[in-house]
Amino acid sequence: MREIKFRAWYKPFKDNDFGAGYKYGNNVISFHDMSPEQYELEQYTGLHNDDGAELYEGDILLDPDTGYVVGSVEYMEDGFWCGDDRIVDCIDCQVVGNIHDNPELLEADE
């Protein structure tokens, strides 16, 4: 059974020059910061990439054999998918960004 955890993208930081904001599980945040509409939750897949980093929804994956972006990780009814492939084993994948910081990576391969 996989470990259930999430990362949260703090939407008010979007499109600001000072960077992106992630708040992780055990950090204490104020009641004011807890407005659910200000966050986009991304679920942990239970997998790690070839560098040992945890793989989450919204991560953008690169196929190292072809050098092309495969797509972003999404959760559907029956599991995690990237492009047309169900993610079962992520040994060969490379996380090259995420949909918040690097949306241009997905546009480049369209």
C-alpha atoms as a PDB file:
ATOM      1  CA  MET A   1       0.000   0.000   0.000  1.00  0.00           C
ATOM      2  CA  ARG A   2       1.346   3.419  -0.924  1.00  0.00           C
ATOM      3  CA  GLU A   3       1.841   6.288   1.473  1.00  0.00           C
ATOM      4  CA  ILE A   4      -0.968   8.857   1.108  1.00  0.00           C
ATOM      5  CA  LYS A   5       0.278  12.431   1.064  1.00  0.00           C
ATOM      6  CA  PHE A   6      -0.179  15.614  -0.894  1.00  0.00           C
ATOM      7  CA  ARG A   7       1.627  18.776  -1.825  1.00  0.00           C
ATOM      8  CA  ALA A   8      -0.329  21.987  -2.163  1.00  0.00           C
ATOM      9  CA  TRP A   9       0.200  24.735  -4.699  1.00  0.00           C
ATOM     10  CA  TYR A  10      -0.613  28.114  -3.171  1.00  0.00           C
ATOM     11  CA  LYS A  11      -2.519  29.857  -5.983  1.00  0.00           C
ATOM     12  CA  PRO A  12      -1.945  33.497  -4.927  1.00  0.00           C
ATOM     13  CA  PHE A  13       1.753  33.060  -5.809  1.00  0.00           C
ATOM     14  CA  LYS A  14       0.874  32.205  -9.422  1.00  0.00           C
ATOM     15  CA  ASP A  15       2.154  34.738 -11.975  1.00  0.00           C
ATOM     16  CA  ASN A  16       4.173  36.676  -9.383  1.00  0.00           C
ATOM     17  CA  ASP A  17       7.819  37.406 -10.049  1.00  0.00           C
ATOM     18  CA  PHE A  18       8.943  36.377  -6.565  1.00  0.00           C
ATOM     19  CA  GLY A  19       8.455  32.674  -7.205  1.00  0.00           C
ATOM     20  CA  ALA A  20       6.234  29.753  -6.492  1.00  0.00           C
ATOM     21  CA  GLY A  21       4.983  28.597  -3.159  1.00  0.00           C
ATOM     22  CA  TYR A  22       4.548  25.108  -1.838  1.00  0.00           C
ATOM     23  CA  LYS A  23       3.400  24.335   1.672  1.00  0.00           C
ATOM     24  CA  TYR A  24       4.026  20.796   2.841  1.00  0.00           C
ATOM     25  CA  GLY A  25       2.162  18.520   5.226  1.00  0.00           C
ATOM     26  CA  ASN A  26       3.567  19.131   8.678  1.00  0.00           C
ATOM     27  CA  ASN A  27       4.114  22.884   8.415  1.00  0.00           C
ATOM     28  CA  VAL A  28       1.918  24.951  10.714  1.00  0.00           C
ATOM     29  CA  ILE A  29      -0.131  27.552   8.851  1.00  0.00           C
ATOM     30  CA  SER A  30      -2.557  30.123  10.207  1.00  0.00           C
ATOM     31  CA  PHE A  31      -6.334  29.797   9.994  1.00  0.00           C
ATOM     32  CA  HIS A  32      -6.307  32.649   7.466  1.00  0.00           C
ATOM     33  CA  ASP A  33      -3.997  30.659   5.168  1.00  0.00           C
ATOM     34  CA  MET A  34      -6.247  27.610   5.256  1.00  0.00           C
ATOM     35  CA  SER A  35      -8.826  28.827   2.718  1.00  0.00           C
ATOM     36  CA  PRO A  36      -9.249  25.747   0.511  1.00  0.00           C
ATOM     37  CA  GLU A  37      -9.975  27.780  -2.622  1.00  0.00           C
ATOM     38  CA  GLN A  38      -6.432  29.188  -2.439  1.00  0.00           C
ATOM     39  CA  TYR A  39      -4.767  25.780  -2.865  1.00  0.00           C
ATOM     40  CA  GLU A  40      -4.515  23.174  -5.563  1.00  0.00           C
ATOM     41  CA  LEU A  41      -3.772  19.781  -4.028  1.00  0.00           C
ATOM     42  CA  GLU A  42      -1.552  17.306  -5.850  1.00  0.00           C
ATOM     43  CA  GLN A  43      -1.442  13.691  -4.745  1.00  0.00           C
ATOM     44  CA  TYR A  44       1.730  11.650  -4.266  1.00  0.00           C
ATOM     45  CA  THR A  45       1.873   8.697  -6.682  1.00  0.00           C
ATOM     46  CA  GLY A  46       3.844   6.435  -4.353  1.00  0.00           C
ATOM     47  CA  LEU A  47       6.661   6.348  -6.939  1.00  0.00           C
ATOM     48  CA  HIS A  48      10.090   7.937  -7.194  1.00  0.00           C
ATOM     49  CA  ASN A  49      11.888   9.062 -10.323  1.00  0.00           C
ATOM     50  CA  ASP A  50      15.355   7.887 -11.352  1.00  0.00           C
ATOM     51  CA  ASP A  51      16.931  10.466  -9.001  1.00  0.00           C
ATOM     52  CA  GLY A  52      14.886   9.295  -6.011  1.00  0.00           C
ATOM     53  CA  ALA A  53      12.543  12.314  -5.971  1.00  0.00           C
ATOM     54  CA  GLU A  54       8.898  11.713  -5.093  1.00  0.00           C
ATOM     55  CA  LEU A  55       6.514  11.852  -8.056  1.00  0.00           C
ATOM     56  CA  TYR A  56       3.334  13.947  -7.686  1.00  0.00           C
ATOM     57  CA  GLU A  57       0.379  14.903  -9.843  1.00  0.00           C
ATOM     58  CA  GLY A  58       1.326  17.890 -11.947  1.00  0.00           C
ATOM     59  CA  ASP A  59       4.952  16.829 -12.426  1.00  0.00           C
ATOM     60  CA  ILE A  60       6.129  16.999 -16.039  1.00  0.00           C
ATOM     61  CA  LEU A  61       8.014  13.921 -17.244  1.00  0.00           C
ATOM     62  CA  LEU A  62      10.682  13.543 -19.897  1.00  0.00           C
ATOM     63  CA  ASP A  63      11.504  10.309 -21.719  1.00  0.00           C
ATOM     64  CA  PRO A  64      15.320  10.213 -21.494  1.00  0.00           C
ATOM     65  CA  ASP A  65      15.550   7.837 -24.468  1.00  0.00           C
ATOM     66  CA  THR A  66      13.818  10.206 -26.892  1.00  0.00           C
ATOM     67  CA  GLY A  67      14.457  13.526 -25.155  1.00  0.00           C
ATOM     68  CA  TYR A  68      10.782  14.454 -25.503  1.00  0.00           C
ATOM     69  CA  VAL A  69       8.343  15.542 -22.821  1.00  0.00           C
ATOM     70  CA  VAL A  70       5.814  12.763 -22.272  1.00  0.00           C
ATOM     71  CA  GLY A  71       3.278  14.932 -20.433  1.00  0.00           C
ATOM     72  CA  SER A  72       2.175  15.725 -16.919  1.00  0.00           C
ATOM     73  CA  VAL A  73       1.134  13.239 -14.258  1.00  0.00           C
ATOM     74  CA  GLU A  74      -2.635  13.072 -13.738  1.00  0.00           C
ATOM     75  CA  TYR A  75      -4.860  10.943 -11.537  1.00  0.00           C
ATOM     76  CA  MET A  76      -7.776   9.241 -13.262  1.00  0.00           C
ATOM     77  CA  GLU A  77     -10.296   6.658 -12.040  1.00  0.00           C
ATOM     78  CA  ASP A  78      -7.902   3.738 -12.171  1.00  0.00           C
ATOM     79  CA  GLY A  79      -4.522   5.223 -11.341  1.00  0.00           C
ATOM     80  CA  PHE A  80      -1.886   7.742 -12.304  1.00  0.00           C
ATOM     81  CA  TRP A  81      -1.287   8.478 -15.982  1.00  0.00           C
ATOM     82  CA  CYS A  82       1.190  10.476 -18.026  1.00  0.00           C
ATOM     83  CA  GLY A  83       0.169  11.045 -21.618  1.00  0.00           C
ATOM     84  CA  ASP A  84      -1.313   7.785 -22.923  1.00  0.00           C
ATOM     85  CA  ASP A  85       0.545   5.556 -20.470  1.00  0.00           C
ATOM     86  CA  ARG A  86      -0.417   4.393 -17.010  1.00  0.00           C
ATOM     87  CA  ILE A  87       2.400   5.051 -14.565  1.00  0.00           C
ATOM     88  CA  VAL A  88       3.402   1.778 -12.966  1.00  0.00           C
ATOM     89  CA  ASP A  89       7.145   2.067 -12.699  1.00  0.00           C
ATOM     90  CA  CYS A  90       9.019   5.331 -12.961  1.00  0.00           C
ATOM     91  CA  ILE A  91      12.611   4.090 -12.983  1.00  0.00           C
ATOM     92  CA  ASP A  92      13.446   5.680 -16.343  1.00  0.00           C
ATOM     93  CA  CYS A  93      11.478   8.913 -16.131  1.00  0.00           C
ATOM     94  CA  GLN A  94      12.922  12.316 -15.421  1.00  0.00           C
ATOM     95  CA  VAL A  95      10.925  15.062 -13.733  1.00  0.00           C
ATOM     96  CA  VAL A  96      11.777  18.238 -15.627  1.00  0.00           C
ATOM     97  CA  GLY A  97       9.290  20.563 -13.971  1.00  0.00           C
ATOM     98  CA  ASN A  98       5.671  20.938 -12.981  1.00  0.00           C
ATOM     99  CA  ILE A  99       2.538  22.406 -14.507  1.00  0.00           C
ATOM    100  CA  HIS A 100       2.759  25.531 -12.333  1.00  0.00           C
ATOM    101  CA  ASP A 101       6.375  26.580 -12.810  1.00  0.00           C
ATOM    102  CA  ASN A 102       6.988  25.184 -16.287  1.00  0.00           C
ATOM    103  CA  PRO A 103       3.769  25.048 -18.382  1.00  0.00           C
ATOM    104  CA  GLU A 104       5.823  25.977 -21.442  1.00  0.00           C
ATOM    105  CA  LEU A 105       7.363  22.480 -21.402  1.00  0.00           C
ATOM    106  CA  LEU A 106       3.979  20.995 -22.270  1.00  0.00           C
ATOM    107  CA  GLU A 107       3.337  23.579 -24.972  1.00  0.00           C
ATOM    108  CA  ALA A 108       6.704  22.914 -26.617  1.00  0.00           C
ATOM    109  CA  ASP A 109       5.773  19.346 -27.584  1.00  0.00           C
ATOM    110  CA  GLU A 110       2.289  20.087 -28.943  1.00  0.00           C
END
